[in-house]
């Protein structure tokens, strides 16, 4: 009986690690309009995601209905992205591995699923969908002045000041960390760049680093924008009735609502426990002006 309790605790440790890895990988996608839920979904099902763009006031001319909220819209997102990672442990590994090792084991599995989802979703950040890049240049030449120029471009496009996000590949965040104005603690009011190797805010942007921004055949290295630039939907892929899994459930992050599915099954002949982590979702172009691409050349 003692082994059964330990096994349950070990499974919880792995699940917690996997969910954390999944959430960490998808943090850059929090820059967009997301509709995520633990409700069951199916592949290729459409989900309507709300988009809110810039509002425009008008002169009153005797009719309060003459200027309706035409900028509130929705886009249909087809959930056609299904990524998974299966891991396995022998009875001995599962029972005797220390908690820290099991948590890291789960973390790497969840991280792999999250990174695969992120790369697929960002595949639509192209010139055809979002227009010419707001910045073009090599990482070595990128600095905080360029971030200010990007901010100005968003200002000129009358994008909302709130909710602005900047997602950059590692080479470009690295270039910013070398910037003397960012390394100077007094300028940021925080030592996070020096001590933590990253900063969370710069020139009105929340800043995210991603080492899997896909080039998309166009030298893409990042982007700046507001949530309405892209719509993302995610649901839990529930196994059909009568499945033989010993456990199948959604893992939900309390802070972001992100959902990672888990299916657990056991090979009695080999004495191996298998755990599959998976994600189901999709993406669609939102308001094209809400995202500005950053390219290396």
C-alpha atoms as a PDB file:
ATOM      1  CA  UNK A   1       0.000   0.000   0.000  1.00  0.00           C
ATOM      2  CA  UNK A   2       2.915   2.331   0.773  1.00  0.00           C
ATOM      3  CA  UNK A   3       4.222   1.970  -2.769  1.00  0.00           C
ATOM      4  CA  UNK A   4       0.838   2.948  -4.206  1.00  0.00           C
ATOM      5  CA  UNK A   5       0.824   6.205  -2.222  1.00  0.00           C
ATOM      6  CA  UNK A   6       4.390   7.013  -3.247  1.00  0.00           C
ATOM      7  CA  UNK A   7       3.577   6.285  -6.870  1.00  0.00           C
ATOM      8  CA  UNK A   8       0.644   8.698  -6.738  1.00  0.00           C
ATOM      9  CA  UNK A   9       2.793  11.405  -5.234  1.00  0.00           C
ATOM     10  CA  UNK A  10       5.460  10.837  -7.861  1.00  0.00           C
ATOM     11  CA  UNK A  11       2.889  11.156 -10.641  1.00  0.00           C
ATOM     12  CA  UNK A  12       1.724  14.476  -9.163  1.00  0.00           C
ATOM     13  CA  UNK A  13       5.309  15.750  -9.073  1.00  0.00           C
ATOM     14  CA  UNK A  14       5.808  14.862 -12.743  1.00  0.00           C
ATOM     15  CA  UNK A  15       2.500  16.500 -13.713  1.00  0.00           C
ATOM     16  CA  UNK A  16       3.305  19.696 -11.847  1.00  0.00           C
ATOM     17  CA  UNK A  17       6.693  19.906 -13.530  1.00  0.00           C
ATOM     18  CA  UNK A  18       5.193  19.261 -16.965  1.00  0.00           C
ATOM     19  CA  UNK A  19       2.574  21.982 -16.559  1.00  0.00           C
ATOM     20  CA  UNK A  20       5.196  24.492 -15.442  1.00  0.00           C
ATOM     21  CA  UNK A  21       7.411  23.693 -18.434  1.00  0.00           C
ATOM     22  CA  UNK A  22       4.447  24.026 -20.781  1.00  0.00           C
ATOM     23  CA  UNK A  23       3.462  27.416 -19.349  1.00  0.00           C
ATOM     24  CA  UNK A  24       7.041  28.723 -19.437  1.00  0.00           C
ATOM     25  CA  UNK A  25       7.346  27.798 -23.111  1.00  0.00           C
ATOM     26  CA  UNK A  26       4.102  29.544 -24.041  1.00  0.00           C
ATOM     27  CA  UNK A  27       4.624  32.790 -22.133  1.00  0.00           C
ATOM     28  CA  UNK A  28       5.491  34.721 -25.337  1.00  0.00           C
ATOM     29  CA  UNK A  29       2.069  33.780 -26.716  1.00  0.00           C
ATOM     30  CA  UNK A  30       0.374  35.612 -23.856  1.00  0.00           C
ATOM     31  CA  UNK A  31       1.060  38.664 -26.012  1.00  0.00           C
ATOM     32  CA  UNK A  32      -1.983  37.720 -28.102  1.00  0.00           C
ATOM     33  CA  UNK A  33      -5.739  37.307 -27.749  1.00  0.00           C
ATOM     34  CA  UNK A  34      -6.235  33.847 -26.291  1.00  0.00           C
ATOM     35  CA  UNK A  35      -9.274  31.681 -25.667  1.00  0.00           C
ATOM     36  CA  UNK A  36      -8.126  28.719 -23.585  1.00  0.00           C
ATOM     37  CA  UNK A  37     -10.282  26.272 -21.700  1.00  0.00           C
ATOM     38  CA  UNK A  38     -10.237  22.849 -20.082  1.00  0.00           C
ATOM     39  CA  UNK A  39     -13.528  22.150 -21.851  1.00  0.00           C
ATOM     40  CA  UNK A  40     -13.239  19.203 -24.237  1.00  0.00           C
ATOM     41  CA  UNK A  41     -12.425  20.032 -27.836  1.00  0.00           C
ATOM     42  CA  UNK A  42     -11.765  18.119 -31.021  1.00  0.00           C
ATOM     43  CA  UNK A  43      -9.219  18.508 -33.762  1.00  0.00           C
ATOM     44  CA  UNK A  44     -10.261  20.869 -36.597  1.00  0.00           C
ATOM     45  CA  UNK A  45     -13.086  22.320 -34.519  1.00  0.00           C
ATOM     46  CA  UNK A  46     -13.516  26.110 -34.807  1.00  0.00           C
ATOM     47  CA  UNK A  47     -13.502  28.431 -31.812  1.00  0.00           C
ATOM     48  CA  UNK A  48     -14.523  32.086 -31.954  1.00  0.00           C
ATOM     49  CA  UNK A  49     -11.938  34.371 -30.351  1.00  0.00           C
ATOM     50  CA  UNK A  50     -12.809  37.979 -29.550  1.00  0.00           C
ATOM     51  CA  UNK A  51     -10.566  40.811 -30.756  1.00  0.00           C
ATOM     52  CA  UNK A  52     -10.594  44.386 -29.490  1.00  0.00           C
ATOM     53  CA  UNK A  53      -8.774  47.048 -31.477  1.00  0.00           C
ATOM     54  CA  UNK A  54      -8.352  50.808 -31.259  1.00  0.00           C
ATOM     55  CA  UNK A  55     -11.531  52.797 -30.616  1.00  0.00           C
ATOM     56  CA  UNK A  56     -12.322  55.994 -32.528  1.00  0.00           C
ATOM     57  CA  UNK A  57     -14.503  58.822 -31.225  1.00  0.00           C
ATOM     58  CA  UNK A  58     -16.715  60.966 -33.454  1.00  0.00           C
ATOM     59  CA  UNK A  59     -18.522  64.324 -33.370  1.00  0.00           C
ATOM     60  CA  UNK A  60     -22.041  64.078 -32.007  1.00  0.00           C
ATOM     61  CA  UNK A  61     -24.616  64.881 -34.683  1.00  0.00           C
ATOM     62  CA  UNK A  62     -27.868  64.154 -32.916  1.00  0.00           C
ATOM     63  CA  UNK A  63     -27.709  60.331 -33.008  1.00  0.00           C
ATOM     64  CA  UNK A  64     -25.944  58.277 -30.357  1.00  0.00           C
ATOM     65  CA  UNK A  65     -26.139  55.157 -32.546  1.00  0.00           C
ATOM     66  CA  UNK A  66     -24.202  56.690 -35.425  1.00  0.00           C
ATOM     67  CA  UNK A  67     -20.810  55.626 -34.058  1.00  0.00           C
ATOM     68  CA  UNK A  68     -21.216  51.968 -33.061  1.00  0.00           C
ATOM     69  CA  UNK A  69     -18.382  49.855 -31.723  1.00  0.00           C
ATOM     70  CA  UNK A  70     -17.393  48.547 -35.132  1.00  0.00           C
ATOM     71  CA  UNK A  71     -13.864  47.708 -34.003  1.00  0.00           C
ATOM     72  CA  UNK A  72     -14.960  44.931 -31.664  1.00  0.00           C
ATOM     73  CA  UNK A  73     -14.765  41.779 -33.722  1.00  0.00           C
ATOM     74  CA  UNK A  74     -14.136  38.069 -33.564  1.00  0.00           C
ATOM     75  CA  UNK A  75     -12.176  35.610 -35.657  1.00  0.00           C
ATOM     76  CA  UNK A  76     -12.699  31.899 -36.181  1.00  0.00           C
ATOM     77  CA  UNK A  77      -9.729  29.816 -35.072  1.00  0.00           C
ATOM     78  CA  UNK A  78      -9.458  26.239 -36.321  1.00  0.00           C
ATOM     79  CA  UNK A  79      -7.774  24.000 -33.752  1.00  0.00           C
ATOM     80  CA  UNK A  80      -5.640  22.007 -36.145  1.00  0.00           C
ATOM     81  CA  UNK A  81      -2.408  21.930 -34.115  1.00  0.00           C
ATOM     82  CA  UNK A  82      -1.903  18.809 -32.003  1.00  0.00           C
ATOM     83  CA  UNK A  83       1.474  18.311 -30.334  1.00  0.00           C
ATOM     84  CA  UNK A  84       2.466  15.587 -27.882  1.00  0.00           C
ATOM     85  CA  UNK A  85       5.383  14.068 -26.006  1.00  0.00           C
ATOM     86  CA  UNK A  86       5.356  10.616 -24.414  1.00  0.00           C
ATOM     87  CA  UNK A  87       7.778   9.774 -21.597  1.00  0.00           C
ATOM     88  CA  UNK A  88       8.240   6.527 -19.724  1.00  0.00           C
ATOM     89  CA  UNK A  89       9.744   5.260 -16.495  1.00  0.00           C
ATOM     90  CA  UNK A  90      10.386   1.765 -15.229  1.00  0.00           C
ATOM     91  CA  UNK A  91       8.894   0.714 -11.906  1.00  0.00           C
ATOM     92  CA  UNK A  92      12.245   1.225 -10.197  1.00  0.00           C
ATOM     93  CA  UNK A  93      12.804   4.673 -11.720  1.00  0.00           C
ATOM     94  CA  UNK A  94       9.281   5.767 -10.888  1.00  0.00           C
ATOM     95  CA  UNK A  95       9.459   4.618  -7.265  1.00  0.00           C
ATOM     96  CA  UNK A  96      13.026   5.594  -6.406  1.00  0.00           C
ATOM     97  CA  UNK A  97      13.770   8.820  -8.286  1.00  0.00           C
ATOM     98  CA  UNK A  98      14.074  11.899  -6.048  1.00  0.00           C
ATOM     99  CA  UNK A  99      11.311  14.482  -6.291  1.00  0.00           C
ATOM    100  CA  UNK A 100      13.568  17.087  -7.903  1.00  0.00           C
ATOM    101  CA  UNK A 101      14.583  14.712 -10.671  1.00  0.00           C
ATOM    102  CA  UNK A 102      10.974  13.703 -11.356  1.00  0.00           C
ATOM    103  CA  UNK A 103       9.881  17.337 -11.468  1.00  0.00           C
ATOM    104  CA  UNK A 104      12.637  18.169 -13.963  1.00  0.00           C
ATOM    105  CA  UNK A 105      11.700  15.073 -15.980  1.00  0.00           C
ATOM    106  CA  UNK A 106       8.132  16.347 -16.265  1.00  0.00           C
ATOM    107  CA  UNK A 107       9.267  19.917 -16.892  1.00  0.00           C
ATOM    108  CA  UNK A 108      11.295  18.927 -19.947  1.00  0.00           C
ATOM    109  CA  UNK A 109       8.351  17.012 -21.407  1.00  0.00           C
ATOM    110  CA  UNK A 110       5.927  19.908 -20.911  1.00  0.00           C
ATOM    111  CA  UNK A 111       8.493  22.364 -22.229  1.00  0.00           C
ATOM    112  CA  UNK A 112       8.917  20.307 -25.412  1.00  0.00           C
ATOM    113  CA  UNK A 113       5.167  20.365 -26.092  1.00  0.00           C
ATOM    114  CA  UNK A 114       4.957  24.100 -25.380  1.00  0.00           C
ATOM    115  CA  UNK A 115       7.880  24.981 -27.641  1.00  0.00           C
ATOM    116  CA  UNK A 116       6.422  22.903 -30.467  1.00  0.00           C
ATOM    117  CA  UNK A 117       3.091  24.718 -30.088  1.00  0.00           C
ATOM    118  CA  UNK A 118       4.776  28.114 -29.991  1.00  0.00           C
ATOM    119  CA  UNK A 119       6.787  27.468 -33.149  1.00  0.00           C
ATOM    120  CA  UNK A 120       3.727  26.298 -35.065  1.00  0.00           C
ATOM    121  CA  UNK A 121       1.583  29.229 -33.951  1.00  0.00           C
ATOM    122  CA  UNK A 122       4.234  31.795 -34.877  1.00  0.00           C
ATOM    123  CA  UNK A 123       4.455  30.330 -38.375  1.00  0.00           C
ATOM    124  CA  UNK A 124       1.758  32.784 -39.492  1.00  0.00           C
ATOM    125  CA  UNK A 125       3.886  35.833 -38.642  1.00  0.00           C
ATOM    126  CA  UNK A 126       4.797  36.593 -42.252  1.00  0.00           C
ATOM    127  CA  UNK A 127       5.000  39.570 -44.568  1.00  0.00           C
ATOM    128  CA  UNK A 128       1.875  38.396 -46.385  1.00  0.00           C
ATOM    129  CA  UNK A 129      -0.131  38.467 -43.160  1.00  0.00           C
ATOM    130  CA  UNK A 130       1.337  41.469 -41.363  1.00  0.00           C
ATOM    131  CA  UNK A 131       3.169  43.612 -43.885  1.00  0.00           C
ATOM    132  CA  UNK A 132       6.669  45.037 -44.036  1.00  0.00           C
ATOM    133  CA  UNK A 133       8.951  44.723 -41.031  1.00  0.00           C
ATOM    134  CA  UNK A 134       9.150  47.552 -38.524  1.00  0.00           C
ATOM    135  CA  UNK A 135      12.865  46.844 -37.988  1.00  0.00           C
ATOM    136  CA  UNK A 136      15.508  45.189 -40.168  1.00  0.00           C
ATOM    137  CA  UNK A 137      19.006  44.588 -38.890  1.00  0.00           C
ATOM    138  CA  UNK A 138      21.497  42.164 -37.388  1.00  0.00           C
ATOM    139  CA  UNK A 139      21.449  41.338 -33.685  1.00  0.00           C
ATOM    140  CA  UNK A 140      24.797  43.039 -33.104  1.00  0.00           C
ATOM    141  CA  UNK A 141      23.340  46.387 -34.163  1.00  0.00           C
ATOM    142  CA  UNK A 142      20.126  46.129 -32.126  1.00  0.00           C
ATOM    143  CA  UNK A 143      19.892  48.369 -29.059  1.00  0.00           C
ATOM    144  CA  UNK A 144      17.464  50.248 -26.835  1.00  0.00           C
ATOM    145  CA  UNK A 145      17.215  53.115 -29.347  1.00  0.00           C
ATOM    146  CA  UNK A 146      15.775  50.651 -31.857  1.00  0.00           C
ATOM    147  CA  UNK A 147      13.189  49.587 -29.289  1.00  0.00           C
ATOM    148  CA  UNK A 148      12.181  53.255 -28.940  1.00  0.00           C
ATOM    149  CA  UNK A 149      11.865  53.479 -32.741  1.00  0.00           C
ATOM    150  CA  UNK A 150       9.618  50.406 -32.699  1.00  0.00           C
ATOM    151  CA  UNK A 151       7.522  52.027 -29.984  1.00  0.00           C
ATOM    152  CA  UNK A 152       7.190  55.127 -32.138  1.00  0.00           C
ATOM    153  CA  UNK A 153       6.006  53.011 -35.069  1.00  0.00           C
ATOM    154  CA  UNK A 154       3.261  51.548 -32.869  1.00  0.00           C
ATOM    155  CA  UNK A 155       2.394  55.053 -31.663  1.00  0.00           C
ATOM    156  CA  UNK A 156       2.045  56.241 -35.256  1.00  0.00           C
ATOM    157  CA  UNK A 157      -0.229  53.263 -35.969  1.00  0.00           C
ATOM    158  CA  UNK A 158      -2.384  54.459 -33.018  1.00  0.00           C
ATOM    159  CA  UNK A 159      -2.127  51.094 -31.304  1.00  0.00           C
ATOM    160  CA  UNK A 160      -3.188  51.085 -27.642  1.00  0.00           C
ATOM    161  CA  UNK A 161      -0.487  51.998 -25.138  1.00  0.00           C
ATOM    162  CA  UNK A 162      -1.634  49.263 -22.779  1.00  0.00           C
ATOM    163  CA  UNK A 163      -0.918  45.617 -23.516  1.00  0.00           C
ATOM    164  CA  UNK A 164       2.043  46.200 -25.809  1.00  0.00           C
ATOM    165  CA  UNK A 165       4.449  43.276 -26.069  1.00  0.00           C
ATOM    166  CA  UNK A 166       7.867  42.704 -27.572  1.00  0.00           C
ATOM    167  CA  UNK A 167       8.998  39.165 -28.376  1.00  0.00           C
ATOM    168  CA  UNK A 168      12.613  38.681 -29.456  1.00  0.00           C
ATOM    169  CA  UNK A 169      14.910  35.796 -30.264  1.00  0.00           C
ATOM    170  CA  UNK A 170      17.732  35.154 -27.833  1.00  0.00           C
ATOM    171  CA  UNK A 171      20.377  36.915 -29.945  1.00  0.00           C
ATOM    172  CA  UNK A 172      18.381  40.157 -29.849  1.00  0.00           C
ATOM    173  CA  UNK A 173      17.625  40.093 -26.128  1.00  0.00           C
ATOM    174  CA  UNK A 174      21.310  39.334 -25.662  1.00  0.00           C
ATOM    175  CA  UNK A 175      22.191  42.435 -27.647  1.00  0.00           C
ATOM    176  CA  UNK A 176      19.919  44.522 -25.431  1.00  0.00           C
ATOM    177  CA  UNK A 177      21.554  43.119 -22.300  1.00  0.00           C
ATOM    178  CA  UNK A 178      24.876  44.468 -23.606  1.00  0.00           C
ATOM    179  CA  UNK A 179      23.356  47.927 -24.035  1.00  0.00           C
ATOM    180  CA  UNK A 180      24.985  50.252 -21.500  1.00  0.00           C
ATOM    181  CA  UNK A 181      21.724  52.055 -20.812  1.00  0.00           C
ATOM    182  CA  UNK A 182      20.049  48.776 -19.828  1.00  0.00           C
ATOM    183  CA  UNK A 183      22.973  47.472 -17.794  1.00  0.00           C
ATOM    184  CA  UNK A 184      22.911  50.634 -15.714  1.00  0.00           C
ATOM    185  CA  UNK A 185      20.706  49.720 -12.760  1.00  0.00           C
ATOM    186  CA  UNK A 186      19.645  53.335 -12.149  1.00  0.00           C
ATOM    187  CA  UNK A 187      18.075  53.604 -15.600  1.00  0.00           C
ATOM    188  CA  UNK A 188      15.794  50.631 -15.093  1.00  0.00           C
ATOM    189  CA  UNK A 189      15.181  51.139 -11.406  1.00  0.00           C
ATOM    190  CA  UNK A 190      15.895  47.436 -10.993  1.00  0.00           C
ATOM    191  CA  UNK A 191      18.854  45.087 -11.137  1.00  0.00           C
ATOM    192  CA  UNK A 192      16.891  42.349 -12.933  1.00  0.00           C
ATOM    193  CA  UNK A 193      18.894  42.652 -16.153  1.00  0.00           C
ATOM    194  CA  UNK A 194      22.207  42.365 -14.328  1.00  0.00           C
ATOM    195  CA  UNK A 195      21.250  39.691 -11.810  1.00  0.00           C
ATOM    196  CA  UNK A 196      18.618  37.736 -13.694  1.00  0.00           C
ATOM    197  CA  UNK A 197      19.916  38.016 -17.238  1.00  0.00           C
ATOM    198  CA  UNK A 198      16.586  39.373 -18.475  1.00  0.00           C
ATOM    199  CA  UNK A 199      14.266  42.343 -18.093  1.00  0.00           C
ATOM    200  CA  UNK A 200      10.489  42.320 -18.186  1.00  0.00           C
ATOM    201  CA  UNK A 201       9.672  45.858 -19.327  1.00  0.00           C
ATOM    202  CA  UNK A 202      11.281  48.304 -21.725  1.00  0.00           C
ATOM    203  CA  UNK A 203       9.931  51.459 -23.417  1.00  0.00           C
ATOM    204  CA  UNK A 204       6.337  50.546 -22.632  1.00  0.00           C
ATOM    205  CA  UNK A 205       6.656  46.911 -23.762  1.00  0.00           C
ATOM    206  CA  UNK A 206       6.433  43.701 -21.807  1.00  0.00           C
ATOM    207  CA  UNK A 207       9.498  41.852 -23.083  1.00  0.00           C
ATOM    208  CA  UNK A 208       9.631  38.113 -23.815  1.00  0.00           C
ATOM    209  CA  UNK A 209      12.560  36.035 -25.023  1.00  0.00           C
ATOM    210  CA  UNK A 210      12.009  33.042 -27.283  1.00  0.00           C
ATOM    211  CA  UNK A 211      14.660  30.766 -28.724  1.00  0.00           C
ATOM    212  CA  UNK A 212      12.217  29.147 -31.154  1.00  0.00           C
ATOM    213  CA  UNK A 213      10.937  32.139 -33.132  1.00  0.00           C
ATOM    214  CA  UNK A 214      10.676  30.565 -36.600  1.00  0.00           C
ATOM    215  CA  UNK A 215      12.428  32.376 -39.435  1.00  0.00           C
ATOM    216  CA  UNK A 216       9.444  31.542 -41.691  1.00  0.00           C
ATOM    217  CA  UNK A 217      11.694  31.929 -44.730  1.00  0.00           C
ATOM    218  CA  UNK A 218      11.778  35.689 -44.066  1.00  0.00           C
ATOM    219  CA  UNK A 219      14.501  36.074 -41.411  1.00  0.00           C
ATOM    220  CA  UNK A 220      11.954  36.648 -38.664  1.00  0.00           C
ATOM    221  CA  UNK A 221      13.618  37.239 -35.272  1.00  0.00           C
ATOM    222  CA  UNK A 222      10.767  38.776 -33.310  1.00  0.00           C
ATOM    223  CA  UNK A 223       7.739  41.065 -33.338  1.00  0.00           C
ATOM    224  CA  UNK A 224       6.014  43.811 -31.414  1.00  0.00           C
ATOM    225  CA  UNK A 225       2.335  44.440 -31.039  1.00  0.00           C
ATOM    226  CA  UNK A 226      -0.879  44.235 -29.081  1.00  0.00           C
ATOM    227  CA  UNK A 227      -3.115  41.236 -28.266  1.00  0.00           C
ATOM    228  CA  UNK A 228      -5.493  41.814 -31.192  1.00  0.00           C
ATOM    229  CA  UNK A 229      -2.694  41.045 -33.662  1.00  0.00           C
ATOM    230  CA  UNK A 230      -3.299  37.295 -33.401  1.00  0.00           C
ATOM    231  CA  UNK A 231      -6.015  34.996 -32.087  1.00  0.00           C
ATOM    232  CA  UNK A 232      -5.146  31.723 -30.353  1.00  0.00           C
ATOM    233  CA  UNK A 233      -7.466  29.003 -29.076  1.00  0.00           C
ATOM    234  CA  UNK A 234      -6.654  25.930 -26.994  1.00  0.00           C
ATOM    235  CA  UNK A 235      -8.829  23.132 -25.627  1.00  0.00           C
ATOM    236  CA  UNK A 236      -8.431  19.805 -23.837  1.00  0.00           C
ATOM    237  CA  UNK A 237      -8.444  16.777 -26.136  1.00  0.00           C
ATOM    238  CA  UNK A 238     -10.501  14.307 -24.126  1.00  0.00           C
ATOM    239  CA  UNK A 239     -10.191  10.586 -24.926  1.00  0.00           C
ATOM    240  CA  UNK A 240     -13.342   8.909 -26.152  1.00  0.00           C
ATOM    241  CA  UNK A 241     -15.502   6.854 -23.817  1.00  0.00           C
ATOM    242  CA  UNK A 242     -14.181   3.386 -23.068  1.00  0.00           C
ATOM    243  CA  UNK A 243     -10.515   4.371 -23.274  1.00  0.00           C
ATOM    244  CA  UNK A 244      -8.048   2.126 -21.476  1.00  0.00           C
ATOM    245  CA  UNK A 245      -5.936   4.843 -19.859  1.00  0.00           C
ATOM    246  CA  UNK A 246      -5.335   4.532 -16.140  1.00  0.00           C
ATOM    247  CA  UNK A 247      -5.615   8.307 -15.971  1.00  0.00           C
ATOM    248  CA  UNK A 248      -6.581  11.012 -18.476  1.00  0.00           C
ATOM    249  CA  UNK A 249      -7.234  14.601 -17.472  1.00  0.00           C
ATOM    250  CA  UNK A 250      -6.503  18.248 -18.238  1.00  0.00           C
ATOM    251  CA  UNK A 251      -3.798  20.068 -16.294  1.00  0.00           C
ATOM    252  CA  UNK A 252      -4.763  23.732 -15.946  1.00  0.00           C
ATOM    253  CA  UNK A 253      -2.499  26.593 -14.914  1.00  0.00           C
ATOM    254  CA  UNK A 254      -4.280  28.818 -12.390  1.00  0.00           C
ATOM    255  CA  UNK A 255      -2.598  32.013 -13.578  1.00  0.00           C
ATOM    256  CA  UNK A 256      -2.829  31.752 -17.371  1.00  0.00           C
ATOM    257  CA  UNK A 257      -5.576  29.181 -17.899  1.00  0.00           C
ATOM    258  CA  UNK A 258      -3.298  27.248 -20.262  1.00  0.00           C
ATOM    259  CA  UNK A 259      -4.298  23.588 -20.639  1.00  0.00           C
ATOM    260  CA  UNK A 260      -1.999  20.595 -20.981  1.00  0.00           C
ATOM    261  CA  UNK A 261      -3.577  17.178 -21.401  1.00  0.00           C
ATOM    262  CA  UNK A 262      -2.129  14.034 -19.840  1.00  0.00           C
ATOM    263  CA  UNK A 263      -2.789  10.374 -20.601  1.00  0.00           C
ATOM    264  CA  UNK A 264      -1.225   7.687 -18.446  1.00  0.00           C
ATOM    265  CA  UNK A 265      -0.988   3.987 -19.227  1.00  0.00           C
ATOM    266  CA  UNK A 266       1.020   1.019 -18.030  1.00  0.00           C
ATOM    267  CA  UNK A 267       2.770  -1.865 -19.779  1.00  0.00           C
ATOM    268  CA  UNK A 268       2.282  -4.784 -17.386  1.00  0.00           C
ATOM    269  CA  UNK A 269       4.706  -7.059 -19.261  1.00  0.00           C
ATOM    270  CA  UNK A 270       7.593  -4.598 -19.247  1.00  0.00           C
ATOM    271  CA  UNK A 271       6.790  -2.894 -15.936  1.00  0.00           C
ATOM    272  CA  UNK A 272       6.864   0.561 -17.544  1.00  0.00           C
ATOM    273  CA  UNK A 273       4.613   3.521 -16.866  1.00  0.00           C
ATOM    274  CA  UNK A 274       3.960   5.788 -19.871  1.00  0.00           C
ATOM    275  CA  UNK A 275       2.789   9.388 -19.595  1.00  0.00           C
ATOM    276  CA  UNK A 276       1.751  11.351 -22.669  1.00  0.00           C
ATOM    277  CA  UNK A 277       1.495  15.131 -22.502  1.00  0.00           C
ATOM    278  CA  UNK A 278      -0.390  16.879 -25.303  1.00  0.00           C
ATOM    279  CA  UNK A 279      -1.833  20.178 -26.427  1.00  0.00           C
ATOM    280  CA  UNK A 280      -4.572  20.998 -28.933  1.00  0.00           C
ATOM    281  CA  UNK A 281      -4.972  24.455 -30.393  1.00  0.00           C
ATOM    282  CA  UNK A 282      -4.912  26.750 -33.356  1.00  0.00           C
ATOM    283  CA  UNK A 283      -4.141  30.254 -34.514  1.00  0.00           C
ATOM    284  CA  UNK A 284      -5.452  32.904 -36.887  1.00  0.00           C
ATOM    285  CA  UNK A 285      -4.398  36.347 -38.045  1.00  0.00           C
ATOM    286  CA  UNK A 286      -6.219  38.952 -35.999  1.00  0.00           C
ATOM    287  CA  UNK A 287      -6.018  42.629 -36.852  1.00  0.00           C
ATOM    288  CA  UNK A 288      -3.027  42.814 -39.204  1.00  0.00           C
ATOM    289  CA  UNK A 289      -1.966  46.251 -37.995  1.00  0.00           C
ATOM    290  CA  UNK A 290      -1.734  44.936 -34.449  1.00  0.00           C
ATOM    291  CA  UNK A 291       1.566  43.155 -35.021  1.00  0.00           C
ATOM    292  CA  UNK A 292       4.838  44.491 -36.392  1.00  0.00           C
ATOM    293  CA  UNK A 293       7.543  42.088 -37.553  1.00  0.00           C
ATOM    294  CA  UNK A 294      11.250  42.322 -36.698  1.00  0.00           C
ATOM    295  CA  UNK A 295      13.675  40.696 -39.153  1.00  0.00           C
ATOM    296  CA  UNK A 296      17.436  40.263 -39.377  1.00  0.00           C
ATOM    297  CA  UNK A 297      17.775  41.028 -43.108  1.00  0.00           C
END
